[in-house]
Amino acid sequence: PRRDAVFWHIEEPIWRADLFTEVGGRGPYDAAHYHPTFDGLTPCERVSDDAIEADPLGWVMDRLVDLPAALTESGHADLIGALDPGLVRQAMPAIRASIEATLAYEPADPPAGD
């Protein structure tokens, strides 16, 4: 079967959450953090929030439900006027499902000998 890769070119990221778990760490999402601003393609220093580790899905969804606040925090309040609240509401179930699937993903054990 044919498999095609999808490449995205992001000119200017505006916000990023990294929902990491440290190998051998204290528990799930123990290294989670976010980057509310960027300088070009370079993220700002990591910002920690205990609420991420406690409930990563809830934390992300709270941020996405209030996009104007996230855009303001990221220094892009000028984009708020371009938001269509109806389209944002319409997209949220698919966005949530994608985040849930990503958080639930567990890779299969590799075949013996790998």
C-alpha atoms as a PDB file:
ATOM      1  CA  PRO A   1       0.000   0.000   0.000  1.00  0.00           C
ATOM      2  CA  ARG A   2       1.068   3.528  -0.694  1.00  0.00           C
ATOM      3  CA  ARG A   3       1.751   5.841   2.208  1.00  0.00           C
ATOM      4  CA  ASP A   4       2.084   9.551   1.714  1.00  0.00           C
ATOM      5  CA  ALA A   5       3.603  11.892   4.226  1.00  0.00           C
ATOM      6  CA  VAL A   6       1.974  15.211   4.915  1.00  0.00           C
ATOM      7  CA  PHE A   7       4.345  18.112   5.363  1.00  0.00           C
ATOM      8  CA  TRP A   8       3.300  21.336   6.993  1.00  0.00           C
ATOM      9  CA  HIS A   9       5.206  24.539   6.714  1.00  0.00           C
ATOM     10  CA  ILE A  10       4.614  26.729   9.719  1.00  0.00           C
ATOM     11  CA  GLU A  11       5.875  30.224   9.146  1.00  0.00           C
ATOM     12  CA  GLU A  12       5.302  31.523  12.637  1.00  0.00           C
ATOM     13  CA  PRO A  13       4.171  29.298  15.496  1.00  0.00           C
ATOM     14  CA  ILE A  14       2.276  31.160  18.179  1.00  0.00           C
ATOM     15  CA  TRP A  15       1.820  28.674  21.038  1.00  0.00           C
ATOM     16  CA  ARG A  16       2.829  25.107  21.877  1.00  0.00           C
ATOM     17  CA  ALA A  17       2.099  22.585  24.615  1.00  0.00           C
ATOM     18  CA  ASP A  18       4.501  19.693  25.180  1.00  0.00           C
ATOM     19  CA  LEU A  19       2.734  16.902  27.049  1.00  0.00           C
ATOM     20  CA  PHE A  20       5.793  14.835  27.872  1.00  0.00           C
ATOM     21  CA  THR A  21       6.404  12.045  30.319  1.00  0.00           C
ATOM     22  CA  GLU A  22       9.997  11.669  31.452  1.00  0.00           C
ATOM     23  CA  VAL A  23      11.365   8.151  31.048  1.00  0.00           C
ATOM     24  CA  GLY A  24      11.823   6.867  34.590  1.00  0.00           C
ATOM     25  CA  GLY A  25      10.118   9.977  35.946  1.00  0.00           C
ATOM     26  CA  ARG A  26       7.637  10.283  38.756  1.00  0.00           C
ATOM     27  CA  GLY A  27       4.551   9.657  36.618  1.00  0.00           C
ATOM     28  CA  PRO A  28       2.516  10.504  33.530  1.00  0.00           C
ATOM     29  CA  TYR A  29       3.066  13.995  32.138  1.00  0.00           C
ATOM     30  CA  ASP A  30       5.687  14.796  34.767  1.00  0.00           C
ATOM     31  CA  ALA A  31       7.670  16.800  32.197  1.00  0.00           C
ATOM     32  CA  ALA A  32       4.670  18.556  30.629  1.00  0.00           C
ATOM     33  CA  HIS A  33       5.035  22.261  29.966  1.00  0.00           C
ATOM     34  CA  TYR A  34       4.123  24.859  27.402  1.00  0.00           C
ATOM     35  CA  HIS A  35       5.617  27.693  25.388  1.00  0.00           C
ATOM     36  CA  PRO A  36       3.217  30.654  25.196  1.00  0.00           C
ATOM     37  CA  THR A  37       5.444  32.758  22.935  1.00  0.00           C
ATOM     38  CA  PHE A  38       7.943  32.328  20.131  1.00  0.00           C
ATOM     39  CA  ASP A  39      10.704  34.404  18.588  1.00  0.00           C
ATOM     40  CA  GLY A  40      10.372  33.291  14.998  1.00  0.00           C
ATOM     41  CA  LEU A  41      10.578  29.498  15.211  1.00  0.00           C
ATOM     42  CA  THR A  42      12.295  29.522  18.609  1.00  0.00           C
ATOM     43  CA  PRO A  43      10.015  28.925  21.596  1.00  0.00           C
ATOM     44  CA  CYS A  44      10.331  30.883  24.809  1.00  0.00           C
ATOM     45  CA  GLU A  45      11.570  29.130  27.927  1.00  0.00           C
ATOM     46  CA  ARG A  46       9.380  26.325  29.253  1.00  0.00           C
ATOM     47  CA  VAL A  47       6.433  27.391  31.370  1.00  0.00           C
ATOM     48  CA  SER A  48       5.223  24.886  33.939  1.00  0.00           C
ATOM     49  CA  ASP A  49       1.700  24.554  35.280  1.00  0.00           C
ATOM     50  CA  ASP A  50       0.831  21.826  37.803  1.00  0.00           C
ATOM     51  CA  ALA A  51      -2.635  21.617  36.243  1.00  0.00           C
ATOM     52  CA  ILE A  52      -1.139  20.137  33.055  1.00  0.00           C
ATOM     53  CA  GLU A  53       0.205  17.061  34.827  1.00  0.00           C
ATOM     54  CA  ALA A  54      -3.008  16.587  36.815  1.00  0.00           C
ATOM     55  CA  ASP A  55      -5.325  16.779  33.779  1.00  0.00           C
ATOM     56  CA  PRO A  56      -3.573  17.343  30.439  1.00  0.00           C
ATOM     57  CA  LEU A  57      -6.735  17.038  28.353  1.00  0.00           C
ATOM     58  CA  GLY A  58      -8.702  19.396  30.564  1.00  0.00           C
ATOM     59  CA  TRP A  59      -5.828  21.874  30.638  1.00  0.00           C
ATOM     60  CA  VAL A  60      -5.455  21.953  26.853  1.00  0.00           C
ATOM     61  CA  MET A  61      -9.212  22.170  26.280  1.00  0.00           C
ATOM     62  CA  ASP A  62      -9.506  25.053  28.771  1.00  0.00           C
ATOM     63  CA  ARG A  63      -6.835  26.882  26.782  1.00  0.00           C
ATOM     64  CA  LEU A  64      -8.469  26.173  23.426  1.00  0.00           C
ATOM     65  CA  VAL A  65     -11.981  27.071  24.561  1.00  0.00           C
ATOM     66  CA  ASP A  66     -10.684  30.543  25.409  1.00  0.00           C
ATOM     67  CA  LEU A  67      -8.673  31.236  22.262  1.00  0.00           C
ATOM     68  CA  PRO A  68      -8.764  35.018  22.776  1.00  0.00           C
ATOM     69  CA  ALA A  69      -6.933  34.581  26.105  1.00  0.00           C
ATOM     70  CA  ALA A  70      -4.403  32.190  24.528  1.00  0.00           C
ATOM     71  CA  LEU A  71      -3.819  34.605  21.643  1.00  0.00           C
ATOM     72  CA  THR A  72      -3.399  37.497  24.067  1.00  0.00           C
ATOM     73  CA  GLU A  73      -0.898  35.507  26.167  1.00  0.00           C
ATOM     74  CA  SER A  74       1.036  34.616  23.020  1.00  0.00           C
ATOM     75  CA  GLY A  75       1.297  38.250  21.938  1.00  0.00           C
ATOM     76  CA  HIS A  76      -1.104  37.796  19.016  1.00  0.00           C
ATOM     77  CA  ALA A  77      -4.222  39.582  20.250  1.00  0.00           C
ATOM     78  CA  ASP A  78      -4.419  41.115  16.769  1.00  0.00           C
ATOM     79  CA  LEU A  79      -5.682  37.739  15.497  1.00  0.00           C
ATOM     80  CA  ILE A  80      -8.727  37.652  17.785  1.00  0.00           C
ATOM     81  CA  GLY A  81     -10.887  39.619  15.361  1.00  0.00           C
ATOM     82  CA  ALA A  82     -10.306  36.979  12.657  1.00  0.00           C
ATOM     83  CA  LEU A  83     -11.770  34.202  14.833  1.00  0.00           C
ATOM     84  CA  ASP A  84     -15.169  32.884  13.860  1.00  0.00           C
ATOM     85  CA  PRO A  85     -16.679  31.653  17.157  1.00  0.00           C
ATOM     86  CA  GLY A  86     -19.111  29.379  15.316  1.00  0.00           C
ATOM     87  CA  LEU A  87     -16.343  27.660  13.369  1.00  0.00           C
ATOM     88  CA  VAL A  88     -14.257  27.334  16.523  1.00  0.00           C
ATOM     89  CA  ARG A  89     -17.181  25.653  18.352  1.00  0.00           C
ATOM     90  CA  GLN A  90     -17.801  23.401  15.341  1.00  0.00           C
ATOM     91  CA  ALA A  91     -14.150  22.302  15.244  1.00  0.00           C
ATOM     92  CA  MET A  92     -13.781  21.602  18.984  1.00  0.00           C
ATOM     93  CA  PRO A  93     -15.223  18.043  19.018  1.00  0.00           C
ATOM     94  CA  ALA A  94     -12.753  16.925  16.332  1.00  0.00           C
ATOM     95  CA  ILE A  95      -9.885  18.727  18.052  1.00  0.00           C
ATOM     96  CA  ARG A  96     -10.789  17.133  21.384  1.00  0.00           C
ATOM     97  CA  ALA A  97     -11.059  13.667  19.798  1.00  0.00           C
ATOM     98  CA  SER A  98      -7.633  14.103  18.217  1.00  0.00           C
ATOM     99  CA  ILE A  99      -6.063  15.159  21.518  1.00  0.00           C
ATOM    100  CA  GLU A 100      -7.758  12.276  23.357  1.00  0.00           C
ATOM    101  CA  ALA A 101      -6.488   9.773  20.791  1.00  0.00           C
ATOM    102  CA  THR A 102      -2.982  11.197  21.022  1.00  0.00           C
ATOM    103  CA  LEU A 103      -2.963  11.055  24.830  1.00  0.00           C
ATOM    104  CA  ALA A 104      -4.315   7.477  24.798  1.00  0.00           C
ATOM    105  CA  TYR A 105      -1.795   6.210  22.245  1.00  0.00           C
ATOM    106  CA  GLU A 106       0.491   3.453  23.443  1.00  0.00           C
ATOM    107  CA  PRO A 107       2.888   1.998  20.905  1.00  0.00           C
ATOM    108  CA  ALA A 108       2.738  -1.740  20.403  1.00  0.00           C
ATOM    109  CA  ASP A 109       5.595  -3.778  21.781  1.00  0.00           C
ATOM    110  CA  PRO A 110       8.301  -4.143  19.138  1.00  0.00           C
ATOM    111  CA  PRO A 111       8.688  -7.587  17.581  1.00  0.00           C
ATOM    112  CA  ALA A 112      11.129  -9.894  19.361  1.00  0.00           C
ATOM    113  CA  GLY A 113      14.698  -9.285  18.271  1.00  0.00           C
ATOM    114  CA  ASP A 114      14.271  -5.580  17.497  1.00  0.00           C
END
